[in-house]
Amino acid sequence: MAKVEQKKTIVEEITNHVKDAQCVVLVNYSGLTVEQDTILRREFREAGIVYKVYKNTMMNFAFKGTSCESLTEHLHGTNALAISADDATAPARILSKYAKQYPALEMIAGVVEGNYNDQAGMQALASIPSREELLGKLLGSIQSPISNLARVLNQVAEAGGAEAAMAAKPAEEAPAAE
């Protein structure tokens, strides 16, 4: 296979990953150790995120005509792509978590649901909880008033039962008049 054919295959691979992605994050991984990179890749794999290192020229060709075209201005140095087809916040959350542990790791920019975000925008996106966490919080807030009502009714019933028992005791134990 000629080099041109190999390059076309790589460009098509990148384009296929990027075209239907919810989130594409451009990452500078320069300075990471092999162990740190392995840990990061494992976390991405568990979250269903594609994390690959491509040549900048290949990414430049693949981004043309897609929503990721705005990322081409950042294609210099050692870059990798973190791509999520399902969760729009997962790559940013994972990268932000590991960037705190490994200062060499840097989120450069990203495209989330077709909208370009610079580094500050990606950091803000990383602070958004996952969809599952948000749904859990919503469910908790919906259940909270019902749970509180049940707790109050239970306390009232217990208090009413205790008062009835206290009222019944003195009548039974009342000393007989002498």
N, C-alpha and C. Protein backbone atom coordinates (compact mmCIF):
# COMPACT_ATOMS: atom_id res chain seq x y z
N MET A 1 0.85 -1.18 0.00
CA MET A 1 0.00 0.00 0.00
C MET A 1 0.89 1.24 0.00
N ALA A 2 0.61 2.16 -0.86
CA ALA A 2 1.39 3.38 -0.98
C ALA A 2 1.14 4.29 0.23
N LYS A 3 2.08 5.17 0.49
CA LYS A 3 1.97 6.07 1.63
C LYS A 3 0.73 6.96 1.52
N VAL A 4 0.41 7.37 0.32
CA VAL A 4 -0.76 8.23 0.11
C VAL A 4 -2.03 7.48 0.53
N GLU A 5 -2.10 6.20 0.19
CA GLU A 5 -3.26 5.39 0.56
C GLU A 5 -3.36 5.25 2.08
N GLN A 6 -2.22 5.05 2.74
CA GLN A 6 -2.22 4.94 4.19
C GLN A 6 -2.70 6.24 4.83
N LYS A 7 -2.26 7.34 4.29
CA LYS A 7 -2.66 8.64 4.83
C LYS A 7 -4.15 8.89 4.61
N LYS A 8 -4.66 8.50 3.45
CA LYS A 8 -6.10 8.66 3.18
C LYS A 8 -6.91 7.84 4.17
N THR A 9 -6.44 6.65 4.48
CA THR A 9 -7.14 5.78 5.44
C THR A 9 -7.18 6.43 6.82
N ILE A 10 -6.08 7.02 7.23
CA ILE A 10 -6.02 7.68 8.54
C ILE A 10 -6.94 8.90 8.57
N VAL A 11 -6.92 9.68 7.50
CA VAL A 11 -7.78 10.87 7.42
C VAL A 11 -9.25 10.45 7.46
N GLU A 12 -9.61 9.39 6.76
CA GLU A 12 -11.00 8.89 6.78
C GLU A 12 -11.38 8.40 8.17
N GLU A 13 -10.45 7.74 8.87
CA GLU A 13 -10.70 7.26 10.23
C GLU A 13 -11.01 8.43 11.16
N ILE A 14 -10.19 9.47 11.08
CA ILE A 14 -10.41 10.65 11.92
C ILE A 14 -11.75 11.29 11.58
N THR A 15 -12.02 11.44 10.30
CA THR A 15 -13.27 12.07 9.85
C THR A 15 -14.48 11.28 10.34
N ASN A 16 -14.42 9.95 10.27
CA ASN A 16 -15.53 9.12 10.74
C ASN A 16 -15.75 9.25 12.24
N HIS A 17 -14.67 9.35 13.00
CA HIS A 17 -14.81 9.52 14.45
C HIS A 17 -15.41 10.88 14.78
N VAL A 18 -15.00 11.90 14.06
CA VAL A 18 -15.35 13.28 14.39
C VAL A 18 -16.75 13.67 13.91
N LYS A 19 -17.20 13.13 12.78
CA LYS A 19 -18.43 13.65 12.18
C LYS A 19 -19.68 13.44 13.02
N ASP A 20 -19.79 12.36 13.78
CA ASP A 20 -20.98 12.11 14.61
C ASP A 20 -20.71 12.27 16.10
N ALA A 21 -19.57 12.85 16.45
CA ALA A 21 -19.18 12.95 17.86
C ALA A 21 -19.94 14.05 18.59
N GLN A 22 -20.26 13.78 19.84
CA GLN A 22 -20.86 14.80 20.70
C GLN A 22 -19.78 15.77 21.19
N CYS A 23 -18.57 15.21 21.42
CA CYS A 23 -17.49 16.02 21.97
C CYS A 23 -16.15 15.57 21.39
N VAL A 24 -15.36 16.55 20.94
CA VAL A 24 -14.00 16.30 20.46
C VAL A 24 -13.09 17.27 21.21
N VAL A 25 -12.10 16.72 21.91
CA VAL A 25 -11.19 17.56 22.68
C VAL A 25 -9.77 17.36 22.17
N LEU A 26 -9.09 18.46 21.91
CA LEU A 26 -7.70 18.43 21.49
C LEU A 26 -6.84 18.55 22.74
N VAL A 27 -5.91 17.60 22.90
CA VAL A 27 -5.14 17.47 24.13
C VAL A 27 -3.65 17.55 23.83
N ASN A 28 -2.90 18.28 24.63
CA ASN A 28 -1.45 18.27 24.57
C ASN A 28 -0.97 17.31 25.64
N TYR A 29 -0.38 16.20 25.24
CA TYR A 29 0.04 15.16 26.18
C TYR A 29 1.53 15.16 26.42
N SER A 30 2.24 16.15 25.92
CA SER A 30 3.70 16.22 26.04
C SER A 30 4.11 16.23 27.50
N GLY A 31 5.02 15.34 27.86
CA GLY A 31 5.52 15.29 29.23
C GLY A 31 4.90 14.20 30.08
N LEU A 32 3.88 13.51 29.57
CA LEU A 32 3.29 12.41 30.33
C LEU A 32 4.21 11.19 30.27
N THR A 33 4.28 10.46 31.36
CA THR A 33 5.03 9.22 31.34
C THR A 33 4.16 8.13 30.73
N VAL A 34 4.77 7.02 30.40
CA VAL A 34 4.02 5.91 29.82
C VAL A 34 2.98 5.40 30.81
N GLU A 35 3.35 5.34 32.08
CA GLU A 35 2.42 4.86 33.11
C GLU A 35 1.22 5.80 33.23
N GLN A 36 1.46 7.10 33.24
CA GLN A 36 0.37 8.07 33.34
C GLN A 36 -0.54 7.99 32.12
N ASP A 37 0.06 7.86 30.94
CA ASP A 37 -0.72 7.75 29.71
C ASP A 37 -1.56 6.47 29.71
N THR A 38 -1.02 5.39 30.22
CA THR A 38 -1.76 4.12 30.28
C THR A 38 -2.96 4.26 31.20
N ILE A 39 -2.79 4.91 32.34
CA ILE A 39 -3.89 5.12 33.27
C ILE A 39 -4.98 5.97 32.61
N LEU A 40 -4.57 7.02 31.93
CA LEU A 40 -5.51 7.90 31.24
C LEU A 40 -6.27 7.15 30.15
N ARG A 41 -5.57 6.37 29.35
CA ARG A 41 -6.21 5.59 28.29
C ARG A 41 -7.20 4.58 28.85
N ARG A 42 -6.88 3.96 29.97
CA ARG A 42 -7.79 2.98 30.59
C ARG A 42 -9.09 3.66 31.01
N GLU A 43 -8.97 4.83 31.61
CA GLU A 43 -10.15 5.58 32.03
C GLU A 43 -11.02 5.96 30.83
N PHE A 44 -10.38 6.39 29.75
CA PHE A 44 -11.12 6.73 28.53
C PHE A 44 -11.83 5.51 27.97
N ARG A 45 -11.13 4.39 27.93
CA ARG A 45 -11.72 3.16 27.38
C ARG A 45 -12.95 2.75 28.18
N GLU A 46 -12.86 2.83 29.52
CA GLU A 46 -13.99 2.47 30.37
C GLU A 46 -15.18 3.39 30.15
N ALA A 47 -14.92 4.63 29.79
CA ALA A 47 -16.00 5.61 29.55
C ALA A 47 -16.50 5.58 28.11
N GLY A 48 -15.91 4.73 27.26
CA GLY A 48 -16.35 4.64 25.87
C GLY A 48 -15.86 5.79 25.01
N ILE A 49 -14.72 6.34 25.35
CA ILE A 49 -14.15 7.48 24.63
C ILE A 49 -12.97 7.01 23.80
N VAL A 50 -12.91 7.48 22.56
CA VAL A 50 -11.79 7.16 21.68
C VAL A 50 -10.69 8.18 21.96
N TYR A 51 -9.51 7.70 22.31
CA TYR A 51 -8.37 8.58 22.58
C TYR A 51 -7.22 8.10 21.72
N LYS A 52 -6.82 8.93 20.74
CA LYS A 52 -5.77 8.54 19.83
C LYS A 52 -4.86 9.72 19.53
N VAL A 53 -3.61 9.36 19.22
CA VAL A 53 -2.62 10.34 18.79
C VAL A 53 -2.53 10.24 17.28
N TYR A 54 -2.71 11.38 16.62
CA TYR A 54 -2.59 11.46 15.16
C TYR A 54 -1.60 12.57 14.83
N LYS A 55 -1.07 12.50 13.64
CA LYS A 55 -0.23 13.60 13.17
C LYS A 55 -1.11 14.82 12.95
N ASN A 56 -0.55 15.98 13.24
CA ASN A 56 -1.29 17.23 13.08
C ASN A 56 -1.74 17.44 11.64
N THR A 57 -0.93 17.07 10.68
CA THR A 57 -1.32 17.25 9.27
C THR A 57 -2.52 16.37 8.92
N MET A 58 -2.57 15.17 9.48
CA MET A 58 -3.71 14.27 9.22
C MET A 58 -4.99 14.85 9.83
N MET A 59 -4.87 15.37 11.06
CA MET A 59 -6.04 15.99 11.70
C MET A 59 -6.48 17.23 10.92
N ASN A 60 -5.52 17.99 10.42
CA ASN A 60 -5.83 19.18 9.65
C ASN A 60 -6.67 18.83 8.42
N PHE A 61 -6.27 17.79 7.68
CA PHE A 61 -7.04 17.36 6.51
C PHE A 61 -8.41 16.83 6.92
N ALA A 62 -8.47 16.07 8.00
CA ALA A 62 -9.73 15.46 8.44
C ALA A 62 -10.73 16.49 8.95
N PHE A 63 -10.25 17.57 9.56
CA PHE A 63 -11.14 18.57 10.14
C PHE A 63 -11.79 19.47 9.10
N LYS A 64 -11.21 19.55 7.92
CA LYS A 64 -11.75 20.43 6.89
C LYS A 64 -13.19 20.02 6.54
N GLY A 65 -14.09 20.99 6.58
CA GLY A 65 -15.48 20.75 6.23
C GLY A 65 -16.30 20.13 7.35
N THR A 66 -15.74 20.01 8.55
CA THR A 66 -16.50 19.48 9.69
C THR A 66 -16.66 20.57 10.74
N SER A 67 -17.38 20.26 11.80
CA SER A 67 -17.55 21.22 12.89
C SER A 67 -16.25 21.44 13.66
N CYS A 68 -15.27 20.57 13.46
CA CYS A 68 -13.97 20.67 14.16
C CYS A 68 -12.96 21.52 13.41
N GLU A 69 -13.37 22.16 12.34
CA GLU A 69 -12.44 22.95 11.54
C GLU A 69 -11.78 24.07 12.36
N SER A 70 -12.47 24.56 13.36
CA SER A 70 -11.92 25.63 14.19
C SER A 70 -10.74 25.16 15.06
N LEU A 71 -10.58 23.85 15.19
CA LEU A 71 -9.47 23.31 15.98
C LEU A 71 -8.13 23.35 15.22
N THR A 72 -8.18 23.58 13.91
CA THR A 72 -6.96 23.54 13.11
C THR A 72 -5.94 24.59 13.53
N GLU A 73 -6.39 25.71 14.08
CA GLU A 73 -5.45 26.75 14.52
C GLU A 73 -4.59 26.30 15.70
N HIS A 74 -5.01 25.24 16.40
CA HIS A 74 -4.28 24.74 17.56
C HIS A 74 -3.40 23.54 17.24
N LEU A 75 -3.31 23.17 15.99
CA LEU A 75 -2.58 21.96 15.62
C LEU A 75 -1.09 22.22 15.48
N HIS A 76 -0.43 22.30 16.59
CA HIS A 76 1.02 22.38 16.63
C HIS A 76 1.48 21.74 17.93
N GLY A 77 2.63 21.11 17.91
CA GLY A 77 3.12 20.41 19.08
C GLY A 77 2.61 18.97 19.10
N THR A 78 2.66 18.36 20.27
CA THR A 78 2.21 16.97 20.42
C THR A 78 0.75 16.95 20.85
N ASN A 79 -0.11 16.53 19.94
CA ASN A 79 -1.54 16.56 20.20
C ASN A 79 -2.16 15.18 20.09
N ALA A 80 -3.25 15.00 20.81
CA ALA A 80 -4.07 13.79 20.72
C ALA A 80 -5.52 14.25 20.71
N LEU A 81 -6.40 13.34 20.30
CA LEU A 81 -7.83 13.62 20.29
C LEU A 81 -8.55 12.71 21.27
N ALA A 82 -9.46 13.28 22.03
CA ALA A 82 -10.37 12.52 22.88
C ALA A 82 -11.76 12.75 22.29
N ILE A 83 -12.39 11.67 21.82
CA ILE A 83 -13.65 11.79 21.08
C ILE A 83 -14.72 10.94 21.76
N SER A 84 -15.86 11.56 22.05
CA SER A 84 -16.99 10.84 22.65
C SER A 84 -18.20 10.97 21.74
N ALA A 85 -18.78 9.84 21.40
CA ALA A 85 -19.95 9.84 20.55
C ALA A 85 -21.24 10.00 21.36
N ASP A 86 -21.19 9.68 22.66
CA ASP A 86 -22.41 9.66 23.47
C ASP A 86 -22.49 10.80 24.49
N ASP A 87 -21.47 10.94 25.31
CA ASP A 87 -21.49 11.88 26.43
C ASP A 87 -20.71 13.14 26.06
N ALA A 88 -21.37 14.27 26.11
CA ALA A 88 -20.74 15.52 25.69
C ALA A 88 -19.77 16.07 26.73
N THR A 89 -19.85 15.63 27.98
CA THR A 89 -18.97 16.18 29.01
C THR A 89 -17.89 15.22 29.48
N ALA A 90 -18.00 13.95 29.15
CA ALA A 90 -17.09 12.94 29.69
C ALA A 90 -15.62 13.20 29.38
N PRO A 91 -15.23 13.49 28.12
CA PRO A 91 -13.80 13.72 27.87
C PRO A 91 -13.25 14.90 28.67
N ALA A 92 -14.01 15.97 28.75
CA ALA A 92 -13.55 17.15 29.49
C ALA A 92 -13.42 16.84 30.98
N ARG A 93 -14.39 16.10 31.55
CA ARG A 93 -14.33 15.74 32.96
C ARG A 93 -13.11 14.88 33.28
N ILE A 94 -12.88 13.87 32.45
CA ILE A 94 -11.75 12.96 32.69
C ILE A 94 -10.43 13.70 32.52
N LEU A 95 -10.32 14.49 31.46
CA LEU A 95 -9.08 15.24 31.24
C LEU A 95 -8.82 16.25 32.36
N SER A 96 -9.86 16.89 32.83
CA SER A 96 -9.70 17.86 33.91
C SER A 96 -9.24 17.17 35.19
N LYS A 97 -9.81 16.01 35.46
CA LYS A 97 -9.43 15.23 36.65
C LYS A 97 -7.94 14.86 36.60
N TYR A 98 -7.49 14.36 35.45
CA TYR A 98 -6.11 13.94 35.33
C TYR A 98 -5.15 15.12 35.15
N ALA A 99 -5.62 16.23 34.63
CA ALA A 99 -4.75 17.41 34.49
C ALA A 99 -4.36 17.95 35.87
N LYS A 100 -5.22 17.74 36.86
CA LYS A 100 -4.88 18.15 38.22
C LYS A 100 -3.77 17.26 38.78
N GLN A 101 -3.81 15.97 38.45
CA GLN A 101 -2.80 15.03 38.92
C GLN A 101 -1.50 15.15 38.12
N TYR A 102 -1.63 15.33 36.81
CA TYR A 102 -0.48 15.39 35.91
C TYR A 102 -0.44 16.75 35.24
N PRO A 103 0.33 17.68 35.75
CA PRO A 103 0.36 19.04 35.19
C PRO A 103 0.82 19.11 33.73
N ALA A 104 1.50 18.05 33.25
CA ALA A 104 1.96 18.05 31.86
C ALA A 104 0.80 17.90 30.87
N LEU A 105 -0.32 17.35 31.33
CA LEU A 105 -1.50 17.14 30.48
C LEU A 105 -2.29 18.45 30.38
N GLU A 106 -2.66 18.83 29.15
CA GLU A 106 -3.34 20.11 28.95
C GLU A 106 -4.45 19.98 27.91
N MET A 107 -5.64 20.41 28.29
CA MET A 107 -6.74 20.52 27.33
C MET A 107 -6.51 21.81 26.56
N ILE A 108 -6.45 21.70 25.24
CA ILE A 108 -6.18 22.89 24.43
C ILE A 108 -7.48 23.57 24.03
N ALA A 109 -8.37 22.82 23.41
CA ALA A 109 -9.65 23.34 22.94
C ALA A 109 -10.54 22.16 22.61
N GLY A 110 -11.79 22.43 22.26
CA GLY A 110 -12.68 21.34 21.92
C GLY A 110 -13.91 21.83 21.17
N VAL A 111 -14.62 20.86 20.62
CA VAL A 111 -15.89 21.12 19.96
C VAL A 111 -16.93 20.24 20.64
N VAL A 112 -17.95 20.88 21.21
CA VAL A 112 -19.00 20.16 21.92
C VAL A 112 -20.31 20.43 21.22
N GLU A 113 -20.92 19.37 20.71
CA GLU A 113 -22.18 19.45 19.98
C GLU A 113 -22.13 20.51 18.89
N GLY A 114 -21.00 20.57 18.18
CA GLY A 114 -20.84 21.48 17.05
C GLY A 114 -20.37 22.88 17.40
N ASN A 115 -20.20 23.18 18.68
CA ASN A 115 -19.79 24.51 19.11
C ASN A 115 -18.34 24.49 19.60
N TYR A 116 -17.54 25.43 19.09
CA TYR A 116 -16.14 25.54 19.49
C TYR A 116 -16.02 26.10 20.90
N ASN A 117 -15.12 25.53 21.69
CA ASN A 117 -14.83 26.02 23.04
C ASN A 117 -13.33 26.10 23.21
N ASP A 118 -12.86 27.23 23.74
CA ASP A 118 -11.43 27.35 24.03
C ASP A 118 -11.12 26.62 25.34
N GLN A 119 -9.92 26.77 25.83
CA GLN A 119 -9.51 26.06 27.03
C GLN A 119 -10.39 26.41 28.23
N ALA A 120 -10.71 27.67 28.41
CA ALA A 120 -11.56 28.09 29.53
C ALA A 120 -12.96 27.49 29.40
N GLY A 121 -13.49 27.45 28.19
CA GLY A 121 -14.80 26.85 27.96
C GLY A 121 -14.80 25.37 28.26
N MET A 122 -13.72 24.69 27.93
CA MET A 122 -13.63 23.26 28.20
C MET A 122 -13.50 23.00 29.70
N GLN A 123 -12.80 23.89 30.41
CA GLN A 123 -12.71 23.76 31.87
C GLN A 123 -14.07 23.94 32.51
N ALA A 124 -14.84 24.90 32.01
CA ALA A 124 -16.19 25.11 32.53
C ALA A 124 -17.07 23.90 32.24
N LEU A 125 -16.92 23.33 31.07
CA LEU A 125 -17.68 22.14 30.71
C LEU A 125 -17.33 20.96 31.61
N ALA A 126 -16.07 20.89 32.02
CA ALA A 126 -15.62 19.79 32.87
C ALA A 126 -16.28 19.82 34.24
N SER A 127 -16.73 20.98 34.68
CA SER A 127 -17.37 21.09 35.99
C SER A 127 -18.83 20.64 35.98
N ILE A 128 -19.39 20.42 34.81
CA ILE A 128 -20.78 19.96 34.70
C ILE A 128 -20.83 18.47 35.03
N PRO A 129 -21.71 18.06 35.93
CA PRO A 129 -21.81 16.63 36.25
C PRO A 129 -22.31 15.83 35.05
N SER A 130 -22.10 14.52 35.13
CA SER A 130 -22.55 13.64 34.04
C SER A 130 -24.07 13.59 33.99
N ARG A 131 -24.58 13.09 32.92
CA ARG A 131 -26.03 12.98 32.73
C ARG A 131 -26.66 12.13 33.83
N GLU A 132 -25.99 11.02 34.19
CA GLU A 132 -26.51 10.13 35.22
C GLU A 132 -26.58 10.84 36.58
N GLU A 133 -25.53 11.62 36.89
CA GLU A 133 -25.54 12.37 38.15
C GLU A 133 -26.66 13.39 38.17
N LEU A 134 -26.85 14.10 37.06
CA LEU A 134 -27.92 15.09 36.99
C LEU A 134 -29.30 14.45 37.13
N LEU A 135 -29.49 13.30 36.49
CA LEU A 135 -30.77 12.60 36.61
C LEU A 135 -30.99 12.12 38.04
N GLY A 136 -29.93 11.66 38.70
CA GLY A 136 -30.03 11.23 40.09
C GLY A 136 -30.43 12.38 41.00
N LYS A 137 -29.83 13.55 40.77
CA LYS A 137 -30.17 14.73 41.57
C LYS A 137 -31.62 15.15 41.33
N LEU A 138 -32.05 15.09 40.08
CA LEU A 138 -33.43 15.43 39.75
C LEU A 138 -34.40 14.48 40.44
N LEU A 139 -34.12 13.21 40.37
CA LEU A 139 -34.97 12.21 41.01
C LEU A 139 -35.00 12.42 42.52
N GLY A 140 -33.86 12.72 43.11
CA GLY A 140 -33.79 12.99 44.55
C GLY A 140 -34.62 14.19 44.94
N SER A 141 -34.57 15.24 44.12
CA SER A 141 -35.36 16.45 44.44
C SER A 141 -36.85 16.21 44.23
N ILE A 142 -37.21 15.33 43.32
CA ILE A 142 -38.63 15.00 43.13
C ILE A 142 -39.13 14.15 44.29
N GLN A 143 -38.30 13.23 44.77
CA GLN A 143 -38.71 12.33 45.85
C GLN A 143 -38.67 13.00 47.21
N SER A 144 -37.89 14.04 47.36
CA SER A 144 -37.68 14.67 48.65
C SER A 144 -38.98 15.12 49.32
N PRO A 145 -39.88 15.87 48.67
CA PRO A 145 -41.11 16.29 49.35
C PRO A 145 -41.98 15.11 49.77
N ILE A 146 -42.02 14.08 48.95
CA ILE A 146 -42.83 12.91 49.28
C ILE A 146 -42.24 12.19 50.48
N SER A 147 -40.94 12.06 50.52
CA SER A 147 -40.26 11.40 51.65
C SER A 147 -40.48 12.19 52.93
N ASN A 148 -40.36 13.51 52.83
CA ASN A 148 -40.57 14.35 54.01
C ASN A 148 -42.00 14.24 54.53
N LEU A 149 -42.97 14.22 53.64
CA LEU A 149 -44.37 14.08 54.04
C LEU A 149 -44.59 12.74 54.74
N ALA A 150 -44.04 11.67 54.19
CA ALA A 150 -44.18 10.35 54.80
C ALA A 150 -43.55 10.33 56.19
N ARG A 151 -42.39 10.94 56.35
CA ARG A 151 -41.70 11.00 57.63
C ARG A 151 -42.53 11.76 58.66
N VAL A 152 -43.10 12.90 58.27
CA VAL A 152 -43.91 13.71 59.18
C VAL A 152 -45.17 12.94 59.58
N LEU A 153 -45.84 12.31 58.62
CA LEU A 153 -47.04 11.53 58.94
C LEU A 153 -46.72 10.37 59.88
N ASN A 154 -45.59 9.74 59.69
CA ASN A 154 -45.17 8.65 60.56
C ASN A 154 -44.92 9.18 61.98
N GLN A 155 -44.28 10.33 62.11
CA GLN A 155 -44.03 10.92 63.42
C GLN A 155 -45.33 11.31 64.11
N VAL A 156 -46.27 11.85 63.34
CA VAL A 156 -47.57 12.23 63.90
C VAL A 156 -48.30 10.99 64.39
N ALA A 157 -48.26 9.92 63.60
CA ALA A 157 -48.93 8.68 64.00
C ALA A 157 -48.28 8.10 65.25
N GLU A 158 -46.95 8.13 65.33
CA GLU A 158 -46.26 7.62 66.52
C GLU A 158 -46.57 8.49 67.72
N ALA A 159 -46.57 9.80 67.54
CA ALA A 159 -46.88 10.71 68.63
C ALA A 159 -48.32 10.54 69.08
N GLY A 160 -49.24 10.37 68.16
CA GLY A 160 -50.65 10.15 68.49
C GLY A 160 -50.83 8.83 69.23
N GLY A 161 -50.11 7.80 68.84
CA GLY A 161 -50.18 6.50 69.51
C GLY A 161 -49.59 6.59 70.90
N ALA A 162 -48.54 7.35 71.09
CA ALA A 162 -47.92 7.50 72.40
C ALA A 162 -48.82 8.30 73.33
N GLU A 163 -49.46 9.35 72.81
CA GLU A 163 -50.38 10.14 73.64
C GLU A 163 -51.58 9.31 74.05
N ALA A 164 -52.10 8.49 73.16
CA ALA A 164 -53.24 7.63 73.50
C ALA A 164 -52.84 6.63 74.57
N ALA A 165 -51.65 6.09 74.49
CA ALA A 165 -51.17 5.13 75.49
C ALA A 165 -50.98 5.82 76.83
N MET A 166 -50.46 7.03 76.83
CA MET A 166 -50.26 7.78 78.07
C MET A 166 -51.61 8.14 78.69
N ALA A 167 -52.57 8.49 77.85
CA ALA A 167 -53.89 8.85 78.37
C ALA A 167 -54.58 7.63 78.94
N ALA A 168 -54.37 6.46 78.38
CA ALA A 168 -55.01 5.24 78.85
C ALA A 168 -54.37 4.74 80.14
N LYS A 169 -53.11 4.92 80.38
CA LYS A 169 -52.40 4.42 81.55
C LYS A 169 -52.92 5.04 82.84
N PRO A 170 -53.02 6.35 82.92
CA PRO A 170 -53.48 6.91 84.19
C PRO A 170 -54.89 6.47 84.56
N ALA A 171 -55.71 6.23 83.60
CA ALA A 171 -57.08 5.81 83.91
C ALA A 171 -57.09 4.40 84.48
N GLU A 172 -56.25 3.56 84.03
CA GLU A 172 -56.20 2.18 84.53
C GLU A 172 -55.53 2.11 85.89
N GLU A 173 -54.53 2.94 86.12
CA GLU A 173 -53.75 2.86 87.35
C GLU A 173 -54.26 3.83 88.40
N ALA A 174 -55.34 4.44 88.19
CA ALA A 174 -55.84 5.40 89.15
C ALA A 174 -56.16 4.67 90.46
N PRO A 175 -55.68 5.18 91.59
CA PRO A 175 -55.95 4.52 92.87
C PRO A 175 -57.43 4.67 93.24
N ALA A 176 -57.90 3.66 93.85
CA ALA A 176 -59.31 3.67 94.26
C ALA A 176 -59.48 4.63 95.42
N ALA A 177 -60.59 5.28 95.44
CA ALA A 177 -60.86 6.25 96.50
C ALA A 177 -61.12 5.51 97.78
N GLU A 178 -60.44 5.89 98.87
CA GLU A 178 -60.66 5.22 100.14
C GLU A 178 -61.56 5.94 101.02
